[in-house]
Amino acid sequence: MSQFVIVYLGGGEPSSPEEGEQNFAKYMEWLSSLGSAAVSPANPLKNSSTVNPDGSVTVGTTGMSGYTIIEAESMDSALEIAKACPFIDTGGSLEVSELLEMPGQK
């Protein structure tokens, strides 16, 4: 079975604390439904910066808000899992990439 990274991009802020709680509950329900396929669930990111080729640093330039690592049989299976994620209901998008094992690592 392969591992895939689901990267959370964008997404709108909830209009109220109640909406935020509802969104979070839906997200946690989705993660729970993945069972053991969720290898590294719910990894939020903050305070992002980019190191540029010239060594300079640009603060706050990424659209990534977090990631989840899952196991799935194929890219198609991983995409189906991602399509069920309620994050997309907040106006965000999901980027799905297969993780490759580097030679000599393990």
Protein backbone atom coordinates (compact mmCIF):
# COMPACT_ATOMS: atom_id res chain seq x y z
CA MET A 1 0.00 0.00 0.00
CA SER A 2 1.30 3.47 -0.88
CA GLN A 3 1.32 6.61 1.23
CA PHE A 4 -0.09 9.91 0.01
CA VAL A 5 0.07 13.45 1.35
CA ILE A 6 -3.11 15.52 1.27
CA VAL A 7 -2.14 19.20 1.48
CA TYR A 8 -4.78 21.72 2.58
CA LEU A 9 -4.71 24.93 0.54
CA GLY A 10 -6.68 28.06 1.35
CA GLY A 11 -10.08 27.67 2.94
CA GLY A 12 -12.33 30.33 4.36
CA GLU A 13 -12.59 31.43 7.95
CA PRO A 14 -15.82 30.41 9.69
CA SER A 15 -18.37 33.20 10.05
CA SER A 16 -18.96 32.36 13.72
CA PRO A 17 -17.53 30.22 16.51
CA GLU A 18 -20.47 27.84 16.05
CA GLU A 19 -19.70 27.39 12.36
CA GLY A 20 -16.05 26.76 13.27
CA GLU A 21 -17.11 24.06 15.75
CA GLN A 22 -19.37 22.46 13.12
CA ASN A 23 -16.58 22.48 10.51
CA PHE A 24 -14.14 20.97 13.02
CA ALA A 25 -16.64 18.25 14.02
CA LYS A 26 -17.17 17.29 10.35
CA TYR A 27 -13.41 17.21 9.79
CA MET A 28 -12.79 15.03 12.85
CA GLU A 29 -15.60 12.68 11.74
CA TRP A 30 -13.95 12.37 8.31
CA LEU A 31 -10.55 11.64 9.90
CA SER A 32 -12.14 9.05 12.18
CA SER A 33 -13.76 7.36 9.18
CA LEU A 34 -10.30 6.79 7.69
CA GLY A 35 -9.31 4.50 10.56
CA SER A 36 -5.79 3.12 10.20
CA ALA A 37 -5.49 4.62 6.69
CA ALA A 38 -4.80 7.96 8.41
CA VAL A 39 -1.06 7.54 9.02
CA SER A 40 -0.44 11.12 10.18
CA PRO A 41 -3.75 12.99 10.45
CA ALA A 42 -4.43 16.69 11.06
CA ASN A 43 -1.07 18.47 10.88
CA PRO A 44 -1.89 22.21 10.88
CA LEU A 45 0.78 24.71 9.83
CA LYS A 46 1.36 28.33 10.86
CA ASN A 47 3.99 31.07 10.64
CA SER A 48 5.23 29.96 7.21
CA SER A 49 8.22 31.48 5.46
CA THR A 50 9.92 30.73 2.16
CA VAL A 51 13.69 30.44 1.70
CA ASN A 52 14.43 31.70 -1.82
CA PRO A 53 17.22 30.52 -4.16
CA ASP A 54 19.29 33.62 -3.31
CA GLY A 55 19.06 32.83 0.43
CA SER A 56 16.58 35.60 1.20
CA VAL A 57 13.49 34.79 3.24
CA THR A 58 9.94 35.82 2.43
CA VAL A 59 7.53 35.64 5.37
CA GLY A 60 3.98 34.35 5.02
CA THR A 61 3.90 33.39 1.37
CA THR A 62 2.49 29.86 1.37
CA GLY A 63 -1.14 28.93 0.83
CA MET A 64 -0.69 25.67 2.76
CA SER A 65 -2.63 25.43 5.98
CA GLY A 66 -1.76 21.82 6.84
CA TYR A 67 -1.49 18.24 5.67
CA THR A 68 -2.56 14.66 6.35
CA ILE A 69 -0.70 11.50 5.34
CA ILE A 70 -2.85 8.52 4.36
CA GLU A 71 -2.36 5.01 3.03
CA ALA A 72 -4.29 4.00 -0.07
CA GLU A 73 -4.12 1.36 -2.79
CA SER A 74 -3.72 3.89 -5.63
CA MET A 75 -3.85 7.57 -6.56
CA ASP A 76 -7.49 7.08 -7.58
CA SER A 77 -8.28 5.71 -4.11
CA ALA A 78 -6.42 8.58 -2.45
CA LEU A 79 -8.35 11.10 -4.56
CA GLU A 80 -11.66 9.52 -3.53
CA ILE A 81 -10.63 9.84 0.11
CA ALA A 82 -9.70 13.49 -0.45
CA LYS A 83 -12.99 14.24 -2.23
CA ALA A 84 -14.84 13.22 0.95
CA CYS A 85 -12.86 15.69 3.11
CA PRO A 86 -15.11 18.47 4.43
CA PHE A 87 -12.26 20.98 4.11
CA ILE A 88 -13.37 21.56 0.52
CA ASP A 89 -16.74 22.76 1.88
CA THR A 90 -14.89 25.74 3.41
CA GLY A 91 -13.72 26.92 -0.02
CA GLY A 92 -10.31 25.27 0.27
CA SER A 93 -8.70 22.86 -2.13
CA LEU A 94 -6.68 19.71 -1.59
CA GLU A 95 -3.49 18.68 -3.34
CA VAL A 96 -2.80 14.94 -3.28
CA SER A 97 0.71 13.60 -3.89
CA GLU A 98 2.17 10.11 -3.59
CA LEU A 99 5.11 9.82 -1.20
CA LEU A 100 8.12 8.09 -2.67
CA GLU A 101 10.68 6.28 -0.60
CA MET A 102 14.17 7.66 -1.10
CA PRO A 103 16.84 5.04 -1.85
CA GLY A 104 18.81 4.12 1.25
CA GLN A 105 16.11 5.40 3.62
CA LYS A 106 14.46 2.95 5.97
